[in-house]
C-alpha atoms as a PDB file:
ATOM      1  CA  MET A   1       0.000   0.000   0.000  1.00  0.00           C
ATOM      2  CA  LYS A   2       2.878   2.294   0.752  1.00  0.00           C
ATOM      3  CA  SER A   3       4.234   1.935  -2.764  1.00  0.00           C
ATOM      4  CA  ARG A   4       0.852   2.837  -4.216  1.00  0.00           C
ATOM      5  CA  THR A   5       0.666   5.997  -2.123  1.00  0.00           C
ATOM      6  CA  PHE A   6       4.227   6.862  -3.037  1.00  0.00           C
ATOM      7  CA  THR A   7       3.419   6.390  -6.737  1.00  0.00           C
ATOM      8  CA  LYS A   8       0.304   8.589  -6.497  1.00  0.00           C
ATOM      9  CA  LYS A   9       2.248  11.321  -4.683  1.00  0.00           C
ATOM     10  CA  TRP A  10       5.058  11.057  -7.204  1.00  0.00           C
ATOM     11  CA  ILE A  11       2.620  11.404 -10.150  1.00  0.00           C
ATOM     12  CA  ALA A  12       0.895  14.353  -8.440  1.00  0.00           C
ATOM     13  CA  THR A  13       4.242  16.046  -7.776  1.00  0.00           C
ATOM     14  CA  LEU A  14       5.371  15.496 -11.345  1.00  0.00           C
ATOM     15  CA  THR A  15       2.087  16.927 -12.648  1.00  0.00           C
ATOM     16  CA  VAL A  16       2.486  20.060 -10.492  1.00  0.00           C
ATOM     17  CA  VAL A  17       6.102  20.540 -11.655  1.00  0.00           C
ATOM     18  CA  VAL A  18       5.121  20.165 -15.322  1.00  0.00           C
ATOM     19  CA  PHE A  19       2.221  22.602 -14.807  1.00  0.00           C
ATOM     20  CA  ILE A  20       4.532  25.196 -13.214  1.00  0.00           C
ATOM     21  CA  VAL A  21       7.073  24.801 -16.024  1.00  0.00           C
ATOM     22  CA  LEU A  22       4.342  25.242 -18.641  1.00  0.00           C
ATOM     23  CA  LEU A  23       3.149  28.415 -16.892  1.00  0.00           C
ATOM     24  CA  GLN A  24       6.660  29.820 -16.948  1.00  0.00           C
ATOM     25  CA  VAL A  25       7.118  28.970 -20.624  1.00  0.00           C
ATOM     26  CA  ASP A  26       3.791  30.614 -21.434  1.00  0.00           C
ATOM     27  CA  GLY A  27       5.056  33.798 -19.785  1.00  0.00           C
ATOM     28  CA  PHE A  28       7.945  34.143 -22.285  1.00  0.00           C
ATOM     29  CA  PRO A  29       7.555  36.690 -25.070  1.00  0.00           C
ATOM     30  CA  GLN A  30       6.081  35.309 -28.265  1.00  0.00           C
ATOM     31  CA  GLN A  31       9.214  35.716 -30.388  1.00  0.00           C
ATOM     32  CA  SER A  32      11.343  33.575 -28.072  1.00  0.00           C
ATOM     33  CA  ARG A  33       9.168  30.543 -28.873  1.00  0.00           C
ATOM     34  CA  GLU A  34       9.302  31.103 -32.610  1.00  0.00           C
ATOM     35  CA  LYS A  35      11.813  29.246 -34.673  1.00  0.00           C
ATOM     36  CA  ILE A  36      15.070  31.078 -35.046  1.00  0.00           C
ATOM     37  CA  ARG A  37      15.629  31.841 -38.694  1.00  0.00           C
ATOM     38  CA  ILE A  38      19.165  31.810 -39.961  1.00  0.00           C
ATOM     39  CA  LEU A  39      19.755  34.665 -42.373  1.00  0.00           C
ATOM     40  CA  LYS A  40      21.710  33.682 -45.425  1.00  0.00           C
ATOM     41  CA  PRO A  41      24.004  36.341 -46.866  1.00  0.00           C
ATOM     42  CA  GLY A  42      23.225  37.567 -50.349  1.00  0.00           C
ATOM     43  CA  ILE A  43      25.333  36.034 -53.049  1.00  0.00           C
ATOM     44  CA  THR A  44      28.152  38.423 -53.768  1.00  0.00           C
ATOM     45  CA  LYS A  45      30.780  37.692 -56.331  1.00  0.00           C
ATOM     46  CA  ILE A  46      34.061  38.736 -54.791  1.00  0.00           C
ATOM     47  CA  SER A  47      36.730  38.944 -57.386  1.00  0.00           C
ATOM     48  CA  THR A  48      40.385  38.752 -56.621  1.00  0.00           C
ATOM     49  CA  PRO A  49      42.379  41.175 -58.731  1.00  0.00           C
ATOM     50  CA  LEU A  50      44.038  39.457 -61.658  1.00  0.00           C
ATOM     51  CA  VAL A  51      46.805  42.031 -61.779  1.00  0.00           C
ATOM     52  CA  THR A  52      48.168  43.404 -58.548  1.00  0.00           C
ATOM     53  CA  SER A  53      49.536  46.926 -58.509  1.00  0.00           C
ATOM     54  CA  THR A  54      52.100  48.314 -56.117  1.00  0.00           C
ATOM     55  CA  VAL A  55      52.590  51.894 -55.012  1.00  0.00           C
ATOM     56  CA  GLY A  56      55.180  53.634 -57.171  1.00  0.00           C
ATOM     57  CA  GLU A  57      54.706  51.279 -60.135  1.00  0.00           C
ATOM     58  CA  LYS A  58      54.416  53.002 -63.508  1.00  0.00           C
ATOM     59  CA  LYS A  59      52.587  51.328 -66.377  1.00  0.00           C
ATOM     60  CA  ASN A  60      50.469  51.826 -69.475  1.00  0.00           C
ATOM     61  CA  TYR A  61      46.700  51.531 -69.282  1.00  0.00           C
ATOM     62  CA  ASN A  62      45.366  50.662 -72.727  1.00  0.00           C
ATOM     63  CA  LEU A  63      41.830  52.016 -72.476  1.00  0.00           C
ATOM     64  CA  LYS A  64      40.383  49.385 -74.828  1.00  0.00           C
ATOM     65  CA  ASP A  65      40.914  46.939 -71.917  1.00  0.00           C
ATOM     66  CA  TYR A  66      38.911  49.124 -69.497  1.00  0.00           C
ATOM     67  CA  THR A  67      35.254  50.009 -69.143  1.00  0.00           C
ATOM     68  CA  GLN A  68      34.524  53.535 -68.068  1.00  0.00           C
ATOM     69  CA  TYR A  69      32.815  53.620 -64.681  1.00  0.00           C
ATOM     70  CA  SER A  70      30.119  56.205 -64.072  1.00  0.00           C
ATOM     71  CA  ILE A  71      32.086  58.109 -61.442  1.00  0.00           C
ATOM     72  CA  GLY A  72      34.172  61.217 -61.795  1.00  0.00           C
ATOM     73  CA  THR A  73      35.011  63.518 -58.898  1.00  0.00           C
ATOM     74  CA  ILE A  74      36.660  66.869 -58.361  1.00  0.00           C
ATOM     75  CA  GLU A  75      38.009  67.539 -54.901  1.00  0.00           C
ATOM     76  CA  TRP A  76      39.781  70.522 -53.420  1.00  0.00           C
ATOM     77  CA  ALA A  77      43.078  69.346 -51.895  1.00  0.00           C
ATOM     78  CA  PRO A  78      43.858  72.016 -49.275  1.00  0.00           C
ATOM     79  CA  SER A  79      47.301  70.631 -48.466  1.00  0.00           C
ATOM     80  CA  GLN A  80      48.311  71.055 -52.115  1.00  0.00           C
ATOM     81  CA  ASN A  81      46.246  74.181 -52.757  1.00  0.00           C
ATOM     82  CA  ARG A  82      44.772  72.736 -55.979  1.00  0.00           C
ATOM     83  CA  TYR A  83      41.940  70.581 -57.323  1.00  0.00           C
ATOM     84  CA  GLN A  84      42.178  66.817 -57.720  1.00  0.00           C
ATOM     85  CA  ALA A  85      40.205  65.354 -60.638  1.00  0.00           C
ATOM     86  CA  ARG A  86      39.393  61.606 -60.631  1.00  0.00           C
ATOM     87  CA  VAL A  87      37.783  59.549 -63.350  1.00  0.00           C
ATOM     88  CA  GLY A  88      37.049  55.847 -62.854  1.00  0.00           C
ATOM     89  CA  PHE A  89      37.344  52.707 -64.950  1.00  0.00           C
ATOM     90  CA  THR A  90      36.908  48.998 -64.266  1.00  0.00           C
ATOM     91  CA  GLY A  91      39.399  46.438 -65.500  1.00  0.00           C
ATOM     92  CA  ALA A  92      41.425  43.398 -64.498  1.00  0.00           C
ATOM     93  CA  GLU A  93      42.688  45.141 -61.333  1.00  0.00           C
ATOM     94  CA  GLY A  94      39.190  46.102 -60.212  1.00  0.00           C
ATOM     95  CA  PHE A  95      38.521  49.834 -60.101  1.00  0.00           C
ATOM     96  CA  VAL A  96      41.180  52.133 -61.548  1.00  0.00           C
ATOM     97  CA  PHE A  97      40.874  55.843 -60.825  1.00  0.00           C
ATOM     98  CA  PHE A  98      43.004  58.192 -62.906  1.00  0.00           C
ATOM     99  CA  ASN A  99      43.950  61.275 -60.904  1.00  0.00           C
ATOM    100  CA  SER A 100      45.229  64.648 -62.065  1.00  0.00           C
ATOM    101  CA  TYR A 101      45.835  67.956 -60.269  1.00  0.00           C
ATOM    102  CA  HIS A 102      44.758  71.415 -61.465  1.00  0.00           C
ATOM    103  CA  GLN A 103      44.903  75.037 -60.364  1.00  0.00           C
ATOM    104  CA  SER A 104      41.292  75.787 -61.371  1.00  0.00           C
ATOM    105  CA  PHE A 105      38.018  73.909 -61.129  1.00  0.00           C
ATOM    106  CA  ALA A 106      37.384  74.423 -64.856  1.00  0.00           C
ATOM    107  CA  ASP A 107      40.706  72.734 -65.729  1.00  0.00           C
ATOM    108  CA  ALA A 108      39.843  69.758 -63.501  1.00  0.00           C
ATOM    109  CA  GLN A 109      36.418  69.485 -65.153  1.00  0.00           C
ATOM    110  CA  HIS A 110      38.030  69.686 -68.583  1.00  0.00           C
ATOM    111  CA  ALA A 111      40.403  66.794 -67.702  1.00  0.00           C
ATOM    112  CA  ILE A 112      37.481  64.545 -66.686  1.00  0.00           C
ATOM    113  CA  ASN A 113      35.550  65.419 -69.852  1.00  0.00           C
ATOM    114  CA  PHE A 114      38.648  64.861 -71.993  1.00  0.00           C
ATOM    115  CA  VAL A 115      39.112  61.326 -70.631  1.00  0.00           C
ATOM    116  CA  LYS A 116      35.389  60.536 -70.794  1.00  0.00           C
ATOM    117  CA  ASP A 117      34.869  61.836 -74.327  1.00  0.00           C
ATOM    118  CA  GLY A 118      38.239  60.590 -75.594  1.00  0.00           C
ATOM    119  CA  LYS A 119      37.567  57.051 -74.381  1.00  0.00           C
ATOM    120  CA  GLY A 120      34.040  57.195 -75.787  1.00  0.00           C
ATOM    121  CA  ASN A 121      35.065  58.021 -79.354  1.00  0.00           C
ATOM    122  CA  GLY A 122      38.453  56.250 -79.444  1.00  0.00           C
ATOM    123  CA  TYR A 123      40.408  59.499 -79.562  1.00  0.00           C
ATOM    124  CA  LEU A 124      42.200  58.750 -76.257  1.00  0.00           C
ATOM    125  CA  TYR A 125      43.615  55.230 -76.286  1.00  0.00           C
ATOM    126  CA  ASN A 126      46.268  54.993 -73.541  1.00  0.00           C
ATOM    127  CA  ILE A 127      47.227  56.587 -70.223  1.00  0.00           C
ATOM    128  CA  PHE A 128      50.664  56.085 -68.713  1.00  0.00           C
ATOM    129  CA  ALA A 129      50.311  56.420 -64.947  1.00  0.00           C
ATOM    130  CA  GLU A 130      51.972  55.841 -61.586  1.00  0.00           C
ATOM    131  CA  THR A 131      50.192  53.917 -58.830  1.00  0.00           C
ATOM    132  CA  ILE A 132      49.740  56.175 -55.795  1.00  0.00           C
ATOM    133  CA  GLU A 133      47.442  54.000 -53.635  1.00  0.00           C
ATOM    134  CA  VAL A 134      45.794  50.559 -53.538  1.00  0.00           C
ATOM    135  CA  HIS A 135      42.876  49.787 -51.212  1.00  0.00           C
ATOM    136  CA  THR A 136      39.582  47.893 -51.074  1.00  0.00           C
ATOM    137  CA  THR A 137      36.111  49.328 -51.235  1.00  0.00           C
ATOM    138  CA  PRO A 138      33.217  48.274 -48.999  1.00  0.00           C
ATOM    139  CA  THR A 139      30.792  48.611 -51.912  1.00  0.00           C
ATOM    140  CA  PRO A 140      31.580  46.203 -54.762  1.00  0.00           C
ATOM    141  CA  GLY A 141      31.265  47.428 -58.325  1.00  0.00           C
ATOM    142  CA  PRO A 142      28.907  46.135 -61.021  1.00  0.00           C
ATOM    143  CA  ASN A 143      31.037  43.026 -61.620  1.00  0.00           C
ATOM    144  CA  GLY A 144      31.986  42.449 -57.986  1.00  0.00           C
ATOM    145  CA  GLU A 145      35.116  44.618 -58.079  1.00  0.00           C
ATOM    146  CA  THR A 146      36.474  45.424 -54.630  1.00  0.00           C
ATOM    147  CA  THR A 147      40.086  46.483 -55.284  1.00  0.00           C
ATOM    148  CA  VAL A 148      40.670  50.174 -55.973  1.00  0.00           C
ATOM    149  CA  VAL A 149      43.878  51.316 -57.659  1.00  0.00           C
ATOM    150  CA  GLU A 150      44.476  55.072 -57.547  1.00  0.00           C
ATOM    151  CA  VAL A 151      46.931  56.225 -60.195  1.00  0.00           C
ATOM    152  CA  LEU A 152      48.442  59.577 -61.108  1.00  0.00           C
ATOM    153  CA  SER A 153      48.028  60.212 -64.820  1.00  0.00           C
ATOM    154  CA  LEU A 154      51.385  61.165 -66.342  1.00  0.00           C
ATOM    155  CA  ILE A 155      51.021  60.852 -70.131  1.00  0.00           C
ATOM    156  CA  TYR A 156      47.831  60.800 -72.221  1.00  0.00           C
ATOM    157  CA  SER A 157      48.185  59.131 -75.641  1.00  0.00           C
ATOM    158  CA  PHE A 158      45.635  60.140 -78.256  1.00  0.00           C
ATOM    159  CA  ASN A 159      45.194  60.320 -82.017  1.00  0.00           C
ATOM    160  CA  ILE A 160      45.549  63.760 -83.615  1.00  0.00           C
END
């Protein structure tokens, strides 16, 4: 008889414990009981540069191998007391930005237009430049480009 009473008390105790646990679980916020969803990152093509550039390297950029990127900037460089014009291309290295320095804003704008228009009609075909900086960008380009090569334009080659 004692074992029967023990069994009944044990079942009653277990029922009370389960009931208390269920009450506590019911008190949790709704989102904690939902399934945790694992977010998958978007597919991003990260391209490793095919050609690495080093600071100080001088080389020819044949513009037929580059696609003009839709970015050109003019920035006042206070330390140099002149304007810095930048026009961008994409190629095997990733992004390549051709830089030039000018005393007036109009000259800087003219340099960007010269490169843009010259590349567009085949008039400008090559730029000899020196690498001044290499870094990565947090926003990949249209083909997954992440490497940015900043070069100083030294010689423009064009048909006359």
